[in-house]
Protein backbone atom coordinates (compact mmCIF):
# COMPACT_ATOMS: atom_id res chain seq x y z
CA MET A 1 21.97 -21.01 -25.16
CA ALA A 2 24.48 -22.91 -23.10
CA SER A 3 23.09 -25.65 -20.98
CA THR A 4 24.26 -27.49 -17.95
CA GLY A 5 23.79 -31.13 -18.85
CA SER A 6 25.91 -34.01 -17.62
CA ALA A 7 29.54 -33.45 -16.71
CA LYS A 8 30.47 -36.65 -18.56
CA ILE A 9 31.68 -36.02 -22.12
CA ARG A 10 31.08 -38.54 -24.90
CA LEU A 11 34.04 -39.80 -26.93
CA SER A 12 32.59 -38.28 -30.11
CA GLU A 13 32.52 -34.85 -28.48
CA LYS A 14 36.07 -35.20 -27.15
CA LEU A 15 37.22 -36.06 -30.65
CA GLY A 16 35.14 -33.23 -32.13
CA TYR A 17 36.63 -30.70 -29.75
CA GLY A 18 40.15 -32.05 -30.10
CA ILE A 19 40.22 -31.91 -33.88
CA GLY A 20 39.84 -28.14 -33.67
CA ASP A 21 43.40 -27.92 -32.40
CA LEU A 22 44.63 -29.83 -35.43
CA ALA A 23 44.00 -26.52 -37.20
CA ALA A 24 46.19 -24.58 -34.77
CA GLY A 25 48.84 -27.32 -34.82
CA LEU A 26 49.12 -27.18 -38.59
CA ILE A 27 49.14 -23.39 -38.77
CA LEU A 28 51.55 -22.61 -35.97
CA ASN A 29 54.00 -25.39 -36.80
CA PHE A 30 54.05 -24.36 -40.45
CA PHE A 31 54.74 -20.77 -39.39
CA GLY A 32 57.46 -21.94 -37.03
CA VAL A 33 59.31 -23.81 -39.76
CA PHE A 34 58.72 -21.73 -42.90
CA LEU A 35 57.89 -18.11 -41.99
CA LEU A 36 61.44 -16.92 -41.30
CA TYR A 37 62.83 -19.06 -44.14
CA TYR A 38 60.28 -17.69 -46.64
CA PHE A 39 61.00 -14.03 -45.99
CA VAL A 40 64.75 -14.29 -45.26
CA ASP A 41 66.24 -17.08 -47.38
CA LEU A 42 63.74 -16.80 -50.24
CA GLY A 43 62.61 -13.19 -49.98
CA GLY A 44 65.98 -11.66 -49.12
CA LEU A 45 64.82 -9.66 -46.10
CA ALA A 46 67.23 -9.04 -43.24
CA PRO A 47 66.78 -11.60 -40.45
CA ALA A 48 66.60 -8.83 -37.86
CA ALA A 49 63.77 -7.14 -39.78
CA ILE A 50 61.56 -10.24 -39.54
CA ALA A 51 62.61 -10.81 -35.93
CA LEU A 52 61.50 -7.27 -35.11
CA MET A 53 58.22 -7.83 -36.96
CA LEU A 54 57.49 -10.94 -34.92
CA LEU A 55 58.15 -9.09 -31.69
CA LEU A 56 56.20 -5.94 -32.56
CA THR A 57 53.13 -7.86 -33.66
CA LYS A 58 53.01 -9.41 -30.19
CA LEU A 59 52.33 -5.92 -28.82
CA ILE A 60 49.12 -6.02 -30.84
CA ASP A 61 48.34 -9.50 -29.52
CA ALA A 62 48.91 -8.30 -25.96
CA VAL A 63 45.84 -6.11 -26.49
CA THR A 64 43.72 -8.19 -28.87
CA ASP A 65 43.97 -11.54 -27.08
CA PRO A 66 42.54 -10.31 -23.74
CA MET A 67 40.06 -8.12 -25.65
CA MET A 68 38.82 -11.17 -27.56
CA GLY A 69 38.51 -13.04 -24.29
CA VAL A 70 36.37 -10.25 -22.83
CA ILE A 71 34.18 -10.15 -25.96
CA ALA A 72 33.70 -13.93 -26.03
CA ASP A 73 32.86 -14.11 -22.32
CA ARG A 74 30.09 -11.54 -22.90
CA THR A 75 28.72 -13.04 -26.11
CA ARG A 76 25.17 -14.43 -25.85
CA THR A 77 23.74 -16.36 -28.83
CA ARG A 78 21.61 -19.42 -29.45
CA TRP A 79 24.90 -21.29 -30.08
CA GLY A 80 26.41 -20.23 -26.75
CA ARG A 81 29.22 -17.86 -25.89
CA TYR A 82 32.18 -19.39 -27.71
CA ARG A 83 30.93 -21.69 -30.47
CA PRO A 84 29.71 -18.92 -32.85
CA TYR A 85 33.30 -17.86 -33.49
CA LEU A 86 34.08 -21.39 -34.70
CA LEU A 87 31.31 -21.02 -37.28
CA PHE A 88 32.10 -17.58 -38.67
CA GLY A 89 35.86 -17.30 -38.06
CA PRO A 90 37.54 -20.11 -40.03
CA ILE A 91 37.13 -18.71 -43.56
CA PRO A 92 38.68 -15.28 -42.80
CA LEU A 93 41.49 -17.13 -41.05
CA ALA A 94 42.08 -19.35 -44.09
CA ILE A 95 42.23 -16.36 -46.45
CA SER A 96 44.70 -14.51 -44.23
CA LEU A 97 47.00 -17.56 -44.08
CA VAL A 98 47.21 -17.82 -47.84
CA LEU A 99 47.87 -14.09 -48.21
CA ILE A 100 51.07 -14.26 -46.13
CA PHE A 101 52.79 -16.57 -48.61
CA SER A 102 51.27 -14.98 -51.75
CA ALA A 103 53.71 -12.09 -51.97
CA PRO A 104 54.28 -10.99 -55.60
CA THR A 105 57.68 -9.88 -56.84
CA MET A 106 58.42 -6.52 -55.19
CA SER A 107 61.11 -4.45 -53.53
CA THR A 108 62.43 -5.48 -50.13
CA THR A 109 60.68 -2.51 -48.50
CA SER A 110 57.35 -3.47 -50.06
CA LEU A 111 57.89 -7.11 -49.10
CA LEU A 112 58.54 -6.12 -45.49
CA ILE A 113 55.30 -4.09 -45.46
CA TRP A 114 53.50 -7.08 -46.97
CA ALA A 115 54.89 -9.29 -44.21
CA TYR A 116 53.77 -6.89 -41.46
CA VAL A 117 50.24 -6.44 -42.82
CA THR A 118 49.46 -10.05 -43.74
CA TYR A 119 51.04 -11.58 -40.64
CA SER A 120 49.19 -9.12 -38.37
CA LEU A 121 45.89 -9.90 -40.11
CA SER A 122 46.45 -13.63 -39.78
CA MET A 123 47.20 -13.32 -36.06
CA LEU A 124 44.04 -11.23 -35.55
CA ALA A 125 42.01 -13.88 -37.37
CA PHE A 126 43.71 -16.62 -35.37
CA THR A 127 42.85 -14.79 -32.14
CA ALA A 128 39.19 -14.44 -33.15
CA VAL A 129 38.95 -18.22 -33.50
CA ASN A 130 41.43 -19.68 -31.02
CA VAL A 131 40.57 -17.65 -27.92
CA PRO A 132 36.88 -18.72 -28.06
CA TYR A 133 38.04 -22.25 -28.89
CA GLY A 134 40.09 -22.27 -25.70
CA GLY A 135 37.22 -20.70 -23.75
CA LEU A 136 34.93 -23.50 -24.89
CA LEU A 137 37.14 -25.99 -23.06
CA GLY A 138 36.40 -24.20 -19.79
CA VAL A 139 32.62 -24.62 -20.14
CA ILE A 140 32.46 -28.01 -21.84
CA SER A 141 32.25 -29.66 -18.39
CA PRO A 142 32.23 -28.52 -14.74
CA SER A 143 34.58 -31.42 -13.90
CA SER A 144 38.33 -30.77 -13.81
CA ARG A 145 39.00 -34.43 -14.62
CA GLU A 146 36.73 -34.34 -17.66
CA ARG A 147 38.31 -31.09 -18.85
CA ALA A 148 41.74 -32.67 -18.41
CA SER A 149 40.61 -35.62 -20.50
CA VAL A 150 39.27 -33.33 -23.23
CA THR A 151 42.54 -31.39 -23.08
CA ALA A 152 44.44 -34.62 -23.76
CA TYR A 153 42.42 -35.14 -26.95
CA ARG A 154 43.08 -31.53 -27.90
CA MET A 155 46.82 -31.92 -27.41
CA PHE A 156 46.80 -35.22 -29.29
CA PHE A 157 45.40 -33.48 -32.35
CA SER A 158 47.77 -30.55 -31.87
CA ALA A 159 50.65 -33.02 -31.87
CA THR A 160 49.14 -34.69 -34.93
CA GLY A 161 49.43 -31.32 -36.66
CA SER A 162 53.10 -31.26 -35.70
CA ILE A 163 53.56 -34.76 -37.10
CA LEU A 164 51.88 -33.86 -40.38
CA ILE A 165 54.07 -30.77 -40.77
CA GLY A 166 57.17 -32.77 -39.85
CA VAL A 167 56.40 -35.69 -42.15
CA LEU A 168 54.76 -33.94 -45.09
CA ALA A 169 55.57 -30.23 -45.19
CA THR A 170 59.06 -30.26 -46.69
CA THR A 171 58.02 -33.07 -49.05
CA LEU A 172 54.89 -31.20 -50.20
CA VAL A 173 56.87 -28.00 -50.68
CA ARG A 174 59.41 -29.89 -52.77
CA GLU A 175 56.81 -31.76 -54.85
CA PHE A 176 54.32 -28.89 -55.30
CA GLY A 177 57.06 -26.41 -56.11
CA GLY A 178 58.97 -28.52 -58.62
CA GLY A 179 62.10 -26.51 -57.86
CA ASP A 180 60.24 -23.30 -56.93
CA GLU A 181 60.23 -23.31 -53.12
CA ALA A 182 58.05 -20.18 -52.85
CA LEU A 183 55.35 -21.78 -55.01
CA GLY A 184 55.61 -25.01 -53.04
CA ILE A 185 55.15 -23.15 -49.76
CA LEU A 186 52.12 -21.28 -51.14
CA LEU A 187 50.36 -24.42 -52.39
CA THR A 188 51.11 -26.26 -49.15
CA VAL A 189 49.62 -23.48 -47.03
CA CYS A 190 46.52 -23.54 -49.25
CA CYS A 191 46.04 -27.19 -48.29
CA ILE A 192 46.54 -26.32 -44.63
CA ALA A 193 43.96 -23.52 -44.85
CA ILE A 194 41.32 -25.89 -46.24
CA VAL A 195 41.97 -28.58 -43.63
CA ALA A 196 41.98 -26.02 -40.80
CA THR A 197 38.60 -24.65 -41.89
CA LEU A 198 37.02 -28.11 -41.92
CA CYS A 199 38.48 -28.95 -38.51
CA LEU A 200 37.09 -25.83 -36.83
CA LEU A 201 33.64 -26.28 -38.37
CA THR A 202 33.65 -29.87 -37.09
CA THR A 203 34.32 -28.59 -33.56
CA PHE A 204 31.40 -26.18 -33.85
CA MET A 205 29.03 -28.94 -34.91
CA THR A 206 30.03 -31.58 -32.34
CA THR A 207 30.39 -29.69 -29.04
CA ARG A 208 28.17 -28.19 -26.32
CA GLU A 209 28.59 -25.58 -23.61
CA ARG A 210 27.49 -27.02 -20.25
CA ILE A 211 28.29 -24.24 -17.78
CA PRO A 212 25.68 -21.49 -18.14
CA PRO A 213 26.83 -17.86 -18.16
CA ALA A 214 26.52 -15.79 -15.02
CA GLU A 215 23.69 -13.30 -14.80
CA SER A 216 26.14 -10.43 -15.16
CA ASN A 217 29.84 -9.76 -15.32
CA ALA A 218 31.92 -6.92 -13.92
CA SER A 219 33.60 -4.42 -16.23
CA PRO A 220 36.34 -5.69 -18.55
CA TRP A 221 38.96 -3.57 -16.81
CA SER A 222 37.92 -5.01 -13.46
CA ASP A 223 38.23 -8.54 -14.85
CA LEU A 224 41.69 -7.77 -16.21
CA GLY A 225 42.70 -6.39 -12.84
CA VAL A 226 41.67 -9.62 -11.13
CA LEU A 227 43.47 -11.70 -13.75
CA VAL A 228 46.84 -9.97 -13.54
CA ARG A 229 46.76 -10.25 -9.75
CA THR A 230 46.19 -14.01 -9.89
CA GLY A 231 49.51 -15.69 -9.12
CA PRO A 232 48.71 -19.12 -10.62
CA TRP A 233 47.77 -17.51 -13.94
CA ILE A 234 51.05 -15.59 -14.07
CA ALA A 235 53.07 -18.72 -13.22
CA VAL A 236 51.51 -20.89 -15.94
CA ALA A 237 51.57 -18.09 -18.52
CA VAL A 238 55.32 -17.57 -17.98
CA ALA A 239 55.99 -21.31 -18.20
CA ALA A 240 53.88 -21.66 -21.36
CA ILE A 241 55.50 -18.69 -23.13
CA LEU A 242 59.05 -19.82 -22.38
CA GLY A 243 58.32 -23.49 -23.07
CA VAL A 244 56.97 -22.70 -26.52
CA THR A 245 59.81 -20.20 -27.11
CA ALA A 246 62.34 -23.02 -26.73
CA ILE A 247 60.62 -25.26 -29.26
CA ALA A 248 59.92 -22.41 -31.69
CA SER A 249 63.53 -21.26 -31.67
CA ARG A 250 64.65 -24.78 -32.58
CA ALA A 251 62.00 -25.16 -35.28
CA GLY A 252 62.71 -21.71 -36.73
CA SER A 253 66.43 -22.40 -36.97
CA ALA A 254 66.16 -26.06 -38.06
CA LEU A 255 66.29 -25.38 -41.81
CA PHE A 256 69.30 -23.11 -41.28
CA PHE A 257 71.00 -25.61 -38.96
CA PHE A 258 70.73 -28.55 -41.32
CA LYS A 259 71.50 -26.53 -44.44
CA TYR A 260 74.36 -24.35 -43.22
CA VAL A 261 75.84 -26.18 -40.19
CA VAL A 262 75.30 -29.84 -41.02
CA GLY A 263 75.66 -29.29 -44.77
CA ASP A 264 72.56 -31.33 -45.61
CA ASP A 265 71.45 -31.07 -49.25
CA GLY A 266 67.81 -32.01 -48.58
CA SER A 267 68.11 -35.60 -49.77
CA PRO A 268 65.93 -38.19 -47.99
CA VAL A 269 67.66 -40.05 -45.16
CA LEU A 270 64.71 -42.22 -44.06
CA LEU A 271 62.06 -43.14 -46.62
CA PHE A 272 61.09 -39.75 -48.10
CA LEU A 273 62.16 -37.73 -45.02
CA ASP A 274 65.13 -35.39 -45.23
CA ARG A 275 67.09 -34.36 -42.10
CA THR A 276 64.77 -31.46 -41.27
CA ALA A 277 61.62 -33.54 -41.76
CA LEU A 278 63.04 -36.36 -39.62
CA PHE A 279 63.94 -33.86 -36.89
CA LEU A 280 60.43 -32.34 -36.86
CA THR A 281 58.75 -35.74 -37.04
CA ALA A 282 60.72 -37.03 -34.05
CA LEU A 283 59.64 -33.97 -32.06
CA ALA A 284 56.00 -34.47 -33.01
CA LEU A 285 55.98 -38.19 -32.22
CA GLY A 286 57.54 -37.39 -28.86
CA GLN A 287 54.87 -34.75 -28.33
CA VAL A 288 52.13 -37.35 -28.81
CA THR A 289 53.88 -39.59 -26.31
CA GLY A 290 54.21 -36.69 -23.88
CA VAL A 291 50.50 -35.91 -24.15
CA ILE A 292 49.65 -39.51 -23.27
CA VAL A 293 52.20 -39.69 -20.45
CA GLY A 294 51.14 -36.33 -19.03
CA ASN A 295 47.46 -37.24 -19.12
CA VAL A 296 48.11 -40.51 -17.27
CA LEU A 297 50.49 -39.08 -14.68
CA GLN A 298 48.27 -36.08 -13.80
CA LYS A 299 45.76 -38.53 -12.32
CA ARG A 300 48.32 -39.43 -9.63
CA PHE A 301 50.64 -36.43 -9.34
CA GLU A 302 50.29 -32.66 -9.12
CA LYS A 303 50.21 -30.92 -12.50
CA ALA A 304 52.74 -28.28 -11.43
CA HIS A 305 55.27 -30.89 -10.29
CA LEU A 306 54.93 -32.76 -13.58
CA LEU A 307 55.34 -29.54 -15.53
CA ILE A 308 58.58 -28.76 -13.70
CA ALA A 309 59.87 -32.26 -14.50
CA ALA A 310 58.92 -31.81 -18.16
CA GLY A 311 60.87 -28.54 -18.32
CA VAL A 312 63.96 -30.11 -16.82
CA LEU A 313 63.70 -33.02 -19.27
CA LYS A 314 63.49 -30.66 -22.25
CA ALA A 315 66.47 -28.60 -21.13
CA ALA A 316 68.63 -31.69 -20.51
CA MET A 317 67.84 -33.27 -23.88
CA ILE A 318 68.35 -30.05 -25.87
CA THR A 319 71.74 -29.67 -24.19
CA LEU A 320 72.63 -33.27 -25.00
CA PHE A 321 71.67 -32.74 -28.66
CA TYR A 322 74.15 -29.84 -28.83
CA PHE A 323 77.07 -32.12 -27.92
CA LEU A 324 76.19 -34.91 -30.37
CA PRO A 325 78.23 -35.24 -33.61
CA LEU A 326 76.59 -33.53 -36.58
CA ASP A 327 76.33 -36.79 -38.51
CA ALA A 328 74.81 -38.79 -35.61
CA ILE A 329 71.38 -39.06 -37.22
CA GLY A 330 70.11 -41.90 -35.02
CA PRO A 331 71.09 -40.43 -31.63
CA GLN A 332 69.90 -36.97 -32.70
CA THR A 333 66.51 -38.36 -33.68
CA LEU A 334 66.16 -40.25 -30.40
CA VAL A 335 67.12 -37.23 -28.30
CA GLN A 336 64.73 -35.02 -30.25
CA TYR A 337 61.97 -37.55 -29.60
CA VAL A 338 62.57 -37.20 -25.85
CA VAL A 339 62.52 -33.39 -26.20
CA GLY A 340 59.08 -33.86 -27.74
CA ILE A 341 57.93 -35.90 -24.72
CA GLY A 342 58.77 -32.97 -22.46
CA PHE A 343 57.00 -30.54 -24.80
CA GLY A 344 53.89 -32.73 -25.04
CA MET A 345 53.66 -32.92 -21.25
CA LEU A 346 54.07 -29.15 -21.01
CA MET A 347 51.25 -28.50 -23.47
CA VAL A 348 48.66 -30.93 -22.11
CA LEU A 349 49.29 -29.93 -18.50
CA SER A 350 49.44 -26.16 -19.00
CA PHE A 351 46.22 -26.00 -21.01
CA ALA A 352 44.43 -28.11 -18.38
CA MET A 353 45.80 -25.79 -15.69
CA PHE A 354 44.42 -22.70 -17.46
CA THR A 355 40.86 -24.05 -17.20
CA ASP A 356 41.47 -24.94 -13.53
CA ILE A 357 42.58 -21.35 -12.98
CA ALA A 358 39.37 -20.06 -14.60
CA GLU A 359 37.32 -22.14 -12.14
CA PHE A 360 39.56 -20.98 -9.27
CA ILE A 361 38.92 -17.33 -10.14
CA ASP A 362 35.17 -17.96 -10.44
CA TRP A 363 35.22 -19.64 -7.01
CA LYS A 364 37.32 -16.96 -5.38
CA SER A 365 35.83 -13.81 -6.92
CA GLY A 366 32.48 -14.90 -8.40
CA ARG A 367 33.58 -13.75 -11.86
CA GLN A 368 33.14 -15.91 -14.95
CA MET A 369 35.89 -15.01 -17.39
CA THR A 370 36.90 -18.32 -18.88
CA ALA A 371 37.88 -17.01 -22.31
CA LEU A 372 39.86 -14.14 -20.79
CA VAL A 373 41.83 -16.59 -18.66
CA VAL A 374 42.37 -18.98 -21.55
CA ALA A 375 43.40 -16.02 -23.75
CA ALA A 376 46.64 -16.29 -21.83
CA SER A 377 47.18 -19.71 -23.36
CA VAL A 378 46.61 -18.38 -26.87
CA PHE A 379 48.82 -15.35 -26.28
CA GLY A 380 51.40 -17.58 -24.60
CA VAL A 381 51.60 -19.88 -27.61
CA LYS A 382 51.71 -17.01 -30.12
CA ALA A 383 54.19 -15.02 -28.04
CA GLY A 384 56.36 -18.09 -27.57
CA ILE A 385 56.35 -18.78 -31.30
CA ALA A 386 57.11 -15.12 -32.04
CA PHE A 387 59.93 -14.88 -29.51
CA GLY A 388 61.26 -18.27 -30.55
CA SER A 389 61.14 -17.37 -34.24
CA ALA A 390 62.74 -13.99 -33.53
CA ILE A 391 65.72 -15.54 -31.74
CA PRO A 392 67.15 -17.15 -34.93
CA GLY A 393 66.56 -13.90 -36.81
CA VAL A 394 68.50 -11.89 -34.26
CA MET A 395 71.29 -14.46 -34.02
CA LEU A 396 71.63 -14.70 -37.81
CA ASP A 397 71.83 -10.93 -38.11
CA ILE A 398 74.37 -10.21 -35.38
CA THR A 399 76.67 -13.12 -36.32
CA GLY A 400 76.96 -12.18 -40.00
CA PHE A 401 74.71 -14.71 -41.77
CA VAL A 402 74.91 -14.46 -45.58
CA LYS A 403 72.06 -15.96 -47.59
CA GLY A 404 73.08 -18.89 -49.81
CA ALA A 405 76.80 -18.72 -48.92
CA GLN A 406 79.24 -20.81 -46.93
CA GLN A 407 78.80 -19.49 -43.40
CA SER A 408 81.63 -18.30 -41.18
CA GLU A 409 82.33 -20.00 -37.86
CA THR A 410 80.69 -17.05 -36.11
CA ALA A 411 77.53 -17.36 -38.20
CA GLN A 412 77.40 -21.10 -37.57
CA MET A 413 77.74 -20.45 -33.86
CA GLY A 414 74.82 -18.01 -34.10
CA ILE A 415 72.70 -20.75 -35.63
CA GLN A 416 73.79 -23.16 -32.89
CA LEU A 417 72.89 -20.63 -30.20
CA ALA A 418 69.38 -20.28 -31.60
CA PHE A 419 69.04 -24.00 -32.20
CA ALA A 420 70.24 -25.36 -28.84
CA VAL A 421 71.88 -23.09 -26.27
CA ILE A 422 69.18 -20.45 -25.87
CA PRO A 423 66.26 -22.93 -25.98
CA ALA A 424 67.85 -24.95 -23.16
CA ALA A 425 68.54 -21.82 -21.12
CA VAL A 426 64.98 -20.41 -21.23
CA MET A 427 63.61 -23.61 -19.68
CA ILE A 428 65.24 -22.70 -16.34
CA PRO A 429 62.97 -19.70 -15.56
CA ALA A 430 60.04 -21.61 -17.10
CA ALA A 431 60.40 -24.40 -14.55
CA THR A 432 61.11 -21.95 -11.72
CA ALA A 433 57.82 -20.09 -12.31
CA LEU A 434 55.83 -23.26 -11.54
CA PHE A 435 56.99 -23.27 -7.93
CA PHE A 436 54.59 -20.34 -7.45
CA TYR A 437 51.51 -22.07 -8.92
CA GLY A 438 49.83 -22.96 -5.64
CA ILE A 439 46.72 -24.82 -6.87
CA ASP A 440 46.88 -28.49 -5.93
CA ARG A 441 44.33 -31.28 -6.23
CA ALA A 442 42.87 -30.60 -2.78
CA VAL A 443 42.13 -27.01 -3.79
CA ILE A 444 40.57 -28.13 -7.08
CA ASP A 445 38.29 -30.63 -5.28
CA ARG A 446 37.07 -27.89 -2.95
CA VAL A 447 36.56 -25.46 -5.83
CA GLU A 448 34.48 -27.99 -7.80
CA ALA A 449 32.33 -28.88 -4.79
CA ASP A 450 31.64 -25.24 -3.89
CA LEU A 451 30.92 -24.19 -7.49
CA SER A 452 28.62 -27.17 -8.02
CA ALA A 453 26.60 -26.18 -4.98
CA ARG A 454 26.53 -22.53 -6.06
CA ARG A 455 25.35 -23.34 -9.58
CA ALA A 456 22.70 -25.75 -8.31
CA ALA A 457 21.25 -23.19 -5.90
CA PRO A 458 18.07 -21.40 -7.06
CA ALA A 459 18.65 -17.93 -8.50
């Protein structure tokens, strides 16, 4: 059963909760870099076919993510509402991850079917774990400040996953594969699956649920109706989806950009890092910095205002990167680091805002639906990665990309559009949406005081 307990969270529990998002950071960043490359450049599938797959599978997520939120909110076990899924979900998730990159030699039609089935299964398994994981954040403490602190640890480990993918992924693929990139990708994802499983089990064992469930909840459809009419939820969901779309489009086109536009041959340029690895590492290090900066600044400034500033920063730096010379490795790395700062701020602030929105809805309507609200964050990240990964696929297809060949100027421009122009452009509506958020610190203080009194009152 969930218990109330103290609002103060021990460091060990913050670390235990945060390490769970190392799993998501490893998985989603690996997908963002290698999924399109695996099926298009190695598997020979049409870029548009994989782009369409990524978009269509989000229609499934649009149903399953809220459904999982409803199920988790109504779960009652001796471990609580959300923690059981962190005990029983990691192994199916690990198996599904490995299956994606285990495709045997087959026709392109069969390979496309394999991609659809295995990717859909992996996203279902990811939903079954990550929605309850996000819901757990909403009940780990009744204090918005404590939840924001826990969120910072979560985003730190998420960024650590980005760093590990940036620093090690291309190197592990190269070393494990020994010239066979497909084998290298498979063995690397096996390592990721094992680490992800251990991380999620650690979160299960080290965390508690402190906000007890309500006596009863309204119908799922009624909860969904309340959610989609909540303006702050819509604003943050739009910002999160578009913010992740920008980063995912850059990550998904990075291998193509450095291989076909820059002409990089994969040789190390700094220690053992090639151009792609250096690019991804700079982003991840910036993300860590952004998490720290965002967590500090949110104690003095409104989250929505900071999120708008982070979006503007990302758009400006991505645009600047576009105008840098292709061989300007140092300036490119520095600019990409600053892009990461904006992304890190976006992630730590938006996830903290989702839990604030859950408390706001509870205060306003008397409905506890933490996991359903936080399901928006999971769907936002997955949708952003899908849309962002689809953008390079569409651009490659319509501009005449030819696998393994010298690309035409039009094809190179398609890669540049996916890598820089479109990511910068989508940050404009992302920042605009935050003007409609409407929950400031004064509102949060009132919500916490009223909910504390309500929960302390005798039943």
